[in-house]
């Protein structure tokens, strides 16, 4: 695919074709614009770290199409946790899990946890069903404000990224949580707090702040 002239953007379908080829670029997510790439292609993940100048020890959030995707990452959950996630997802709430699969150390950054989310954005969900899980950190240089204007993002990143897809985004990140026994611990408040509280209530869990 030819490089775009400044001010020209890709379609979502074009982006999906490039993601499966290991390319990286910007798409609208259910929260902010994200710099995305296949979570299953290590080289794509490393390119995003380089472009964003992200600290190499900090993992990215991974967007998945459904709860079943947890299995391929070596994540085992209890029946009650599965029920909680069914009440919760899709939502703009990311969950930190323990991972048993050493194959994905490049995602956990040599730790033992991965943060996952089934996004609340139908078009993106349909895309994930085609290309599989993606990493989706916010579209910015680490430590700087995320871009809300795609033209400005294109000026900043230029040909370092392979595609740019325009859309409507929010200006807040996802809520970030972890599950401990029958408690949900909030690590970062963001979007969909009311949905989280409802899922906690339906699952019979308790909600706590870190």
C-alpha atoms as a PDB file:
ATOM      1  CA  UNK A   1       0.000   0.000   0.000  1.00  0.00           C
ATOM      2  CA  UNK A   2       1.306   3.438  -0.936  1.00  0.00           C
ATOM      3  CA  UNK A   3       2.147   5.939   1.775  1.00  0.00           C
ATOM      4  CA  UNK A   4      -0.594   8.487   2.280  1.00  0.00           C
ATOM      5  CA  UNK A   5      -0.211  12.165   1.536  1.00  0.00           C
ATOM      6  CA  UNK A   6      -0.574  14.350   4.604  1.00  0.00           C
ATOM      7  CA  UNK A   7      -4.214  14.899   5.466  1.00  0.00           C
ATOM      8  CA  UNK A   8      -5.320  11.633   3.827  1.00  0.00           C
ATOM      9  CA  UNK A   9      -6.519   8.778   6.029  1.00  0.00           C
ATOM     10  CA  UNK A  10      -7.050   5.037   5.687  1.00  0.00           C
ATOM     11  CA  UNK A  11     -10.276   3.075   6.005  1.00  0.00           C
ATOM     12  CA  UNK A  12     -10.795   0.660   8.875  1.00  0.00           C
ATOM     13  CA  UNK A  13     -10.670  -2.268   6.424  1.00  0.00           C
ATOM     14  CA  UNK A  14      -7.296  -1.134   5.097  1.00  0.00           C
ATOM     15  CA  UNK A  15      -5.963  -0.929   8.646  1.00  0.00           C
ATOM     16  CA  UNK A  16      -7.093  -4.501   9.392  1.00  0.00           C
ATOM     17  CA  UNK A  17      -5.281  -5.778   6.302  1.00  0.00           C
ATOM     18  CA  UNK A  18      -2.086  -4.092   7.449  1.00  0.00           C
ATOM     19  CA  UNK A  19      -2.343  -5.262  11.074  1.00  0.00           C
ATOM     20  CA  UNK A  20      -2.257  -8.934  10.043  1.00  0.00           C
ATOM     21  CA  UNK A  21       0.909  -8.153   8.058  1.00  0.00           C
ATOM     22  CA  UNK A  22       2.635  -6.841  11.188  1.00  0.00           C
ATOM     23  CA  UNK A  23       2.139  -3.142  10.442  1.00  0.00           C
ATOM     24  CA  UNK A  24       1.283  -0.517  13.063  1.00  0.00           C
ATOM     25  CA  UNK A  25      -0.823   2.636  13.015  1.00  0.00           C
ATOM     26  CA  UNK A  26      -3.535   4.733  14.634  1.00  0.00           C
ATOM     27  CA  UNK A  27      -7.215   3.786  14.932  1.00  0.00           C
ATOM     28  CA  UNK A  28     -10.045   5.085  17.131  1.00  0.00           C
ATOM     29  CA  UNK A  29     -10.730   2.772  20.072  1.00  0.00           C
ATOM     30  CA  UNK A  30     -13.528   2.800  22.638  1.00  0.00           C
ATOM     31  CA  UNK A  31     -11.484   5.290  24.657  1.00  0.00           C
ATOM     32  CA  UNK A  32      -8.720   7.325  22.968  1.00  0.00           C
ATOM     33  CA  UNK A  33      -6.975   7.088  19.621  1.00  0.00           C
ATOM     34  CA  UNK A  34      -4.599   4.134  19.924  1.00  0.00           C
ATOM     35  CA  UNK A  35      -1.347   3.172  18.226  1.00  0.00           C
ATOM     36  CA  UNK A  36      -2.197  -0.438  17.465  1.00  0.00           C
ATOM     37  CA  UNK A  37      -0.556  -3.600  16.201  1.00  0.00           C
ATOM     38  CA  UNK A  38      -1.057  -7.338  16.452  1.00  0.00           C
ATOM     39  CA  UNK A  39      -0.419  -8.618  19.974  1.00  0.00           C
ATOM     40  CA  UNK A  40       0.630 -11.921  18.402  1.00  0.00           C
ATOM     41  CA  UNK A  41       3.475 -10.396  16.355  1.00  0.00           C
ATOM     42  CA  UNK A  42       6.401  -9.513  18.615  1.00  0.00           C
ATOM     43  CA  UNK A  43       8.043  -7.244  16.042  1.00  0.00           C
ATOM     44  CA  UNK A  44       4.901  -5.100  15.790  1.00  0.00           C
ATOM     45  CA  UNK A  45       4.760  -4.714  19.570  1.00  0.00           C
ATOM     46  CA  UNK A  46       8.418  -3.682  19.732  1.00  0.00           C
ATOM     47  CA  UNK A  47       7.914  -1.125  16.952  1.00  0.00           C
ATOM     48  CA  UNK A  48       5.165   0.534  18.986  1.00  0.00           C
ATOM     49  CA  UNK A  49       7.491   0.785  22.000  1.00  0.00           C
ATOM     50  CA  UNK A  50      10.054   2.477  19.764  1.00  0.00           C
ATOM     51  CA  UNK A  51       7.633   4.917  18.125  1.00  0.00           C
ATOM     52  CA  UNK A  52       6.016   5.937  21.432  1.00  0.00           C
ATOM     53  CA  UNK A  53       9.360   6.039  23.281  1.00  0.00           C
ATOM     54  CA  UNK A  54       7.666   3.939  25.921  1.00  0.00           C
ATOM     55  CA  UNK A  55       9.587   2.629  28.916  1.00  0.00           C
ATOM     56  CA  UNK A  56      10.370  -0.966  27.952  1.00  0.00           C
ATOM     57  CA  UNK A  57       9.348  -2.414  31.314  1.00  0.00           C
ATOM     58  CA  UNK A  58       5.745  -1.134  31.093  1.00  0.00           C
ATOM     59  CA  UNK A  59       3.209  -3.474  29.403  1.00  0.00           C
ATOM     60  CA  UNK A  60       0.503  -2.341  26.990  1.00  0.00           C
ATOM     61  CA  UNK A  61      -3.220  -3.047  27.386  1.00  0.00           C
ATOM     62  CA  UNK A  62      -4.404  -5.758  24.993  1.00  0.00           C
ATOM     63  CA  UNK A  63      -7.787  -5.592  23.250  1.00  0.00           C
ATOM     64  CA  UNK A  64      -9.487  -8.953  22.706  1.00  0.00           C
ATOM     65  CA  UNK A  65     -12.719  -9.958  20.925  1.00  0.00           C
ATOM     66  CA  UNK A  66     -14.183 -12.087  23.738  1.00  0.00           C
ATOM     67  CA  UNK A  67     -13.521 -13.867  27.052  1.00  0.00           C
ATOM     68  CA  UNK A  68     -12.363 -17.022  25.267  1.00  0.00           C
ATOM     69  CA  UNK A  69      -9.291 -15.130  24.048  1.00  0.00           C
ATOM     70  CA  UNK A  70      -7.885 -15.241  27.578  1.00  0.00           C
ATOM     71  CA  UNK A  71      -7.053 -18.932  27.160  1.00  0.00           C
ATOM     72  CA  UNK A  72      -4.499 -18.419  24.379  1.00  0.00           C
ATOM     73  CA  UNK A  73      -2.537 -16.096  26.682  1.00  0.00           C
ATOM     74  CA  UNK A  74      -2.287 -18.706  29.435  1.00  0.00           C
ATOM     75  CA  UNK A  75      -4.849 -16.941  31.611  1.00  0.00           C
ATOM     76  CA  UNK A  76      -6.978 -19.198  33.796  1.00  0.00           C
ATOM     77  CA  UNK A  77     -10.019 -17.790  35.566  1.00  0.00           C
ATOM     78  CA  UNK A  78     -12.560 -19.253  37.967  1.00  0.00           C
ATOM     79  CA  UNK A  79     -16.232 -19.749  37.147  1.00  0.00           C
ATOM     80  CA  UNK A  80     -17.175 -16.771  39.324  1.00  0.00           C
ATOM     81  CA  UNK A  81     -14.581 -14.570  37.574  1.00  0.00           C
ATOM     82  CA  UNK A  82     -15.926 -15.679  34.210  1.00  0.00           C
ATOM     83  CA  UNK A  83     -19.446 -14.731  35.294  1.00  0.00           C
ATOM     84  CA  UNK A  84     -18.204 -11.321  36.450  1.00  0.00           C
ATOM     85  CA  UNK A  85     -16.542 -10.711  33.078  1.00  0.00           C
ATOM     86  CA  UNK A  86     -19.709 -11.745  31.257  1.00  0.00           C
ATOM     87  CA  UNK A  87     -21.598  -9.084  33.242  1.00  0.00           C
ATOM     88  CA  UNK A  88     -18.835  -6.530  32.609  1.00  0.00           C
ATOM     89  CA  UNK A  89     -17.580  -6.854  29.017  1.00  0.00           C
ATOM     90  CA  UNK A  90     -17.688  -5.325  26.505  1.00  0.00           C
ATOM     91  CA  UNK A  91     -16.819  -2.197  28.460  1.00  0.00           C
ATOM     92  CA  UNK A  92     -14.188   0.479  28.764  1.00  0.00           C
ATOM     93  CA  UNK A  93     -12.746  -1.398  31.731  1.00  0.00           C
ATOM     94  CA  UNK A  94      -9.357  -3.159  31.496  1.00  0.00           C
ATOM     95  CA  UNK A  95      -8.575  -6.101  33.769  1.00  0.00           C
ATOM     96  CA  UNK A  96      -5.153  -7.289  34.936  1.00  0.00           C
ATOM     97  CA  UNK A  97      -4.685 -11.068  34.951  1.00  0.00           C
ATOM     98  CA  UNK A  98      -1.924 -13.499  35.888  1.00  0.00           C
ATOM     99  CA  UNK A  99      -0.486 -15.221  32.806  1.00  0.00           C
ATOM    100  CA  UNK A 100       1.069 -18.696  32.857  1.00  0.00           C
ATOM    101  CA  UNK A 101       2.368 -18.612  29.257  1.00  0.00           C
ATOM    102  CA  UNK A 102       6.046 -17.641  28.997  1.00  0.00           C
ATOM    103  CA  UNK A 103       5.611 -17.261  25.242  1.00  0.00           C
ATOM    104  CA  UNK A 104       4.141 -13.818  25.871  1.00  0.00           C
ATOM    105  CA  UNK A 105       6.951 -12.338  27.969  1.00  0.00           C
ATOM    106  CA  UNK A 106       7.305  -9.676  25.266  1.00  0.00           C
ATOM    107  CA  UNK A 107       3.778  -8.535  26.230  1.00  0.00           C
ATOM    108  CA  UNK A 108       4.117  -8.871  30.006  1.00  0.00           C
ATOM    109  CA  UNK A 109       7.608  -7.313  29.717  1.00  0.00           C
ATOM    110  CA  UNK A 110       9.066 -10.240  31.674  1.00  0.00           C
ATOM    111  CA  UNK A 111       6.452  -9.924  34.399  1.00  0.00           C
ATOM    112  CA  UNK A 112       3.604 -12.349  35.041  1.00  0.00           C
ATOM    113  CA  UNK A 113       0.544 -10.176  34.345  1.00  0.00           C
ATOM    114  CA  UNK A 114      -1.337  -8.957  31.282  1.00  0.00           C
ATOM    115  CA  UNK A 115      -4.045  -6.280  31.061  1.00  0.00           C
ATOM    116  CA  UNK A 116      -6.997  -7.194  28.823  1.00  0.00           C
ATOM    117  CA  UNK A 117     -10.188  -5.542  27.600  1.00  0.00           C
ATOM    118  CA  UNK A 118     -13.107  -6.452  25.368  1.00  0.00           C
ATOM    119  CA  UNK A 119     -13.758  -2.981  23.934  1.00  0.00           C
ATOM    120  CA  UNK A 120     -17.139  -1.279  23.845  1.00  0.00           C
ATOM    121  CA  UNK A 121     -16.968  -0.397  20.136  1.00  0.00           C
ATOM    122  CA  UNK A 122     -18.777  -2.709  17.709  1.00  0.00           C
ATOM    123  CA  UNK A 123     -16.681  -1.857  14.651  1.00  0.00           C
ATOM    124  CA  UNK A 124     -13.478  -2.526  16.547  1.00  0.00           C
ATOM    125  CA  UNK A 125     -14.876  -5.759  18.006  1.00  0.00           C
ATOM    126  CA  UNK A 126     -15.703  -7.029  14.520  1.00  0.00           C
ATOM    127  CA  UNK A 127     -12.181  -6.126  13.465  1.00  0.00           C
ATOM    128  CA  UNK A 128     -10.674  -8.038  16.385  1.00  0.00           C
ATOM    129  CA  UNK A 129     -12.630 -11.128  15.350  1.00  0.00           C
ATOM    130  CA  UNK A 130     -10.778 -10.951  12.014  1.00  0.00           C
ATOM    131  CA  UNK A 131      -7.240 -10.012  13.085  1.00  0.00           C
ATOM    132  CA  UNK A 132      -7.105 -11.307  16.665  1.00  0.00           C
ATOM    133  CA  UNK A 133      -5.875  -9.471  19.774  1.00  0.00           C
ATOM    134  CA  UNK A 134      -4.092  -6.142  19.402  1.00  0.00           C
ATOM    135  CA  UNK A 135      -2.047  -3.928  21.685  1.00  0.00           C
ATOM    136  CA  UNK A 136      -3.570  -0.460  21.834  1.00  0.00           C
ATOM    137  CA  UNK A 137      -1.690   2.154  23.884  1.00  0.00           C
ATOM    138  CA  UNK A 138      -2.824   5.757  23.484  1.00  0.00           C
ATOM    139  CA  UNK A 139      -1.583   7.691  20.448  1.00  0.00           C
ATOM    140  CA  UNK A 140       1.125   9.861  21.941  1.00  0.00           C
ATOM    141  CA  UNK A 141       4.769  10.020  22.891  1.00  0.00           C
ATOM    142  CA  UNK A 142       5.148   8.560  26.377  1.00  0.00           C
ATOM    143  CA  UNK A 143       4.655  11.249  29.011  1.00  0.00           C
ATOM    144  CA  UNK A 144       2.849  13.615  26.622  1.00  0.00           C
ATOM    145  CA  UNK A 145      -0.869  14.242  26.092  1.00  0.00           C
ATOM    146  CA  UNK A 146      -2.688  11.797  23.768  1.00  0.00           C
ATOM    147  CA  UNK A 147      -3.630  13.154  20.343  1.00  0.00           C
ATOM    148  CA  UNK A 148      -7.320  13.892  19.835  1.00  0.00           C
ATOM    149  CA  UNK A 149      -6.690  15.334  16.353  1.00  0.00           C
ATOM    150  CA  UNK A 150      -5.571  12.792  13.762  1.00  0.00           C
ATOM    151  CA  UNK A 151      -4.009  15.377  11.447  1.00  0.00           C
ATOM    152  CA  UNK A 152      -1.714  16.519  14.252  1.00  0.00           C
ATOM    153  CA  UNK A 153      -0.851  12.894  15.013  1.00  0.00           C
ATOM    154  CA  UNK A 154       0.025  12.314  11.351  1.00  0.00           C
ATOM    155  CA  UNK A 155       2.298  15.368  11.345  1.00  0.00           C
ATOM    156  CA  UNK A 156       4.037  14.069  14.476  1.00  0.00           C
ATOM    157  CA  UNK A 157       4.506  10.428  13.498  1.00  0.00           C
ATOM    158  CA  UNK A 158       4.510  10.663   9.693  1.00  0.00           C
ATOM    159  CA  UNK A 159       5.766   7.525   7.930  1.00  0.00           C
ATOM    160  CA  UNK A 160       6.804   5.900  11.203  1.00  0.00           C
ATOM    161  CA  UNK A 161       3.228   4.580  11.224  1.00  0.00           C
ATOM    162  CA  UNK A 162       1.654   2.617   8.373  1.00  0.00           C
ATOM    163  CA  UNK A 163      -1.977   3.716   8.643  1.00  0.00           C
ATOM    164  CA  UNK A 164      -4.214   6.417  10.132  1.00  0.00           C
ATOM    165  CA  UNK A 165      -7.950   5.847  10.636  1.00  0.00           C
ATOM    166  CA  UNK A 166     -10.171   8.761  11.670  1.00  0.00           C
ATOM    167  CA  UNK A 167     -13.077   8.383  14.088  1.00  0.00           C
ATOM    168  CA  UNK A 168     -14.793   9.669  17.213  1.00  0.00           C
ATOM    169  CA  UNK A 169     -12.955   9.113  20.493  1.00  0.00           C
ATOM    170  CA  UNK A 170     -13.301   9.939  24.175  1.00  0.00           C
ATOM    171  CA  UNK A 171     -10.828  11.953  26.202  1.00  0.00           C
ATOM    172  CA  UNK A 172     -10.511   9.571  29.130  1.00  0.00           C
ATOM    173  CA  UNK A 173      -8.710   6.216  29.446  1.00  0.00           C
ATOM    174  CA  UNK A 174     -10.304   2.949  30.479  1.00  0.00           C
ATOM    175  CA  UNK A 175     -10.871   2.103  34.116  1.00  0.00           C
ATOM    176  CA  UNK A 176      -8.170  -0.349  35.254  1.00  0.00           C
ATOM    177  CA  UNK A 177      -8.920  -3.110  37.765  1.00  0.00           C
ATOM    178  CA  UNK A 178      -7.696  -6.415  39.138  1.00  0.00           C
ATOM    179  CA  UNK A 179      -9.673  -9.244  40.732  1.00  0.00           C
ATOM    180  CA  UNK A 180      -8.649 -10.732  44.084  1.00  0.00           C
ATOM    181  CA  UNK A 181     -10.872 -13.575  45.278  1.00  0.00           C
ATOM    182  CA  UNK A 182     -14.321 -11.965  45.568  1.00  0.00           C
ATOM    183  CA  UNK A 183     -13.092  -8.381  45.411  1.00  0.00           C
ATOM    184  CA  UNK A 184     -12.502  -5.991  42.511  1.00  0.00           C
ATOM    185  CA  UNK A 185      -9.671  -3.518  43.127  1.00  0.00           C
ATOM    186  CA  UNK A 186      -9.753  -0.231  41.194  1.00  0.00           C
ATOM    187  CA  UNK A 187      -6.232   0.756  40.149  1.00  0.00           C
ATOM    188  CA  UNK A 188      -7.274   3.657  37.898  1.00  0.00           C
ATOM    189  CA  UNK A 189     -10.628   5.386  37.575  1.00  0.00           C
ATOM    190  CA  UNK A 190     -11.702   6.035  34.003  1.00  0.00           C
ATOM    191  CA  UNK A 191     -14.716   5.335  31.816  1.00  0.00           C
ATOM    192  CA  UNK A 192     -17.688   3.025  32.490  1.00  0.00           C
ATOM    193  CA  UNK A 193     -17.531   3.181  36.292  1.00  0.00           C
ATOM    194  CA  UNK A 194     -21.316   2.707  36.532  1.00  0.00           C
ATOM    195  CA  UNK A 195     -21.119  -0.433  34.394  1.00  0.00           C
ATOM    196  CA  UNK A 196     -18.312  -1.752  36.592  1.00  0.00           C
ATOM    197  CA  UNK A 197     -20.339  -1.175  39.761  1.00  0.00           C
ATOM    198  CA  UNK A 198     -23.321  -3.001  38.260  1.00  0.00           C
ATOM    199  CA  UNK A 199     -21.166  -6.002  37.234  1.00  0.00           C
ATOM    200  CA  UNK A 200     -19.638  -6.128  40.732  1.00  0.00           C
ATOM    201  CA  UNK A 201     -23.113  -6.151  42.278  1.00  0.00           C
ATOM    202  CA  UNK A 202     -24.442  -8.850  39.939  1.00  0.00           C
ATOM    203  CA  UNK A 203     -21.406 -11.058  40.600  1.00  0.00           C
ATOM    204  CA  UNK A 204     -21.740 -10.643  44.372  1.00  0.00           C
ATOM    205  CA  UNK A 205     -18.259  -9.118  44.599  1.00  0.00           C
ATOM    206  CA  UNK A 206     -17.087  -6.125  46.621  1.00  0.00           C
ATOM    207  CA  UNK A 207     -15.473  -3.028  45.147  1.00  0.00           C
ATOM    208  CA  UNK A 208     -12.343  -1.445  46.617  1.00  0.00           C
ATOM    209  CA  UNK A 209      -9.862   1.290  45.777  1.00  0.00           C
ATOM    210  CA  UNK A 210      -6.169   0.370  45.628  1.00  0.00           C
END
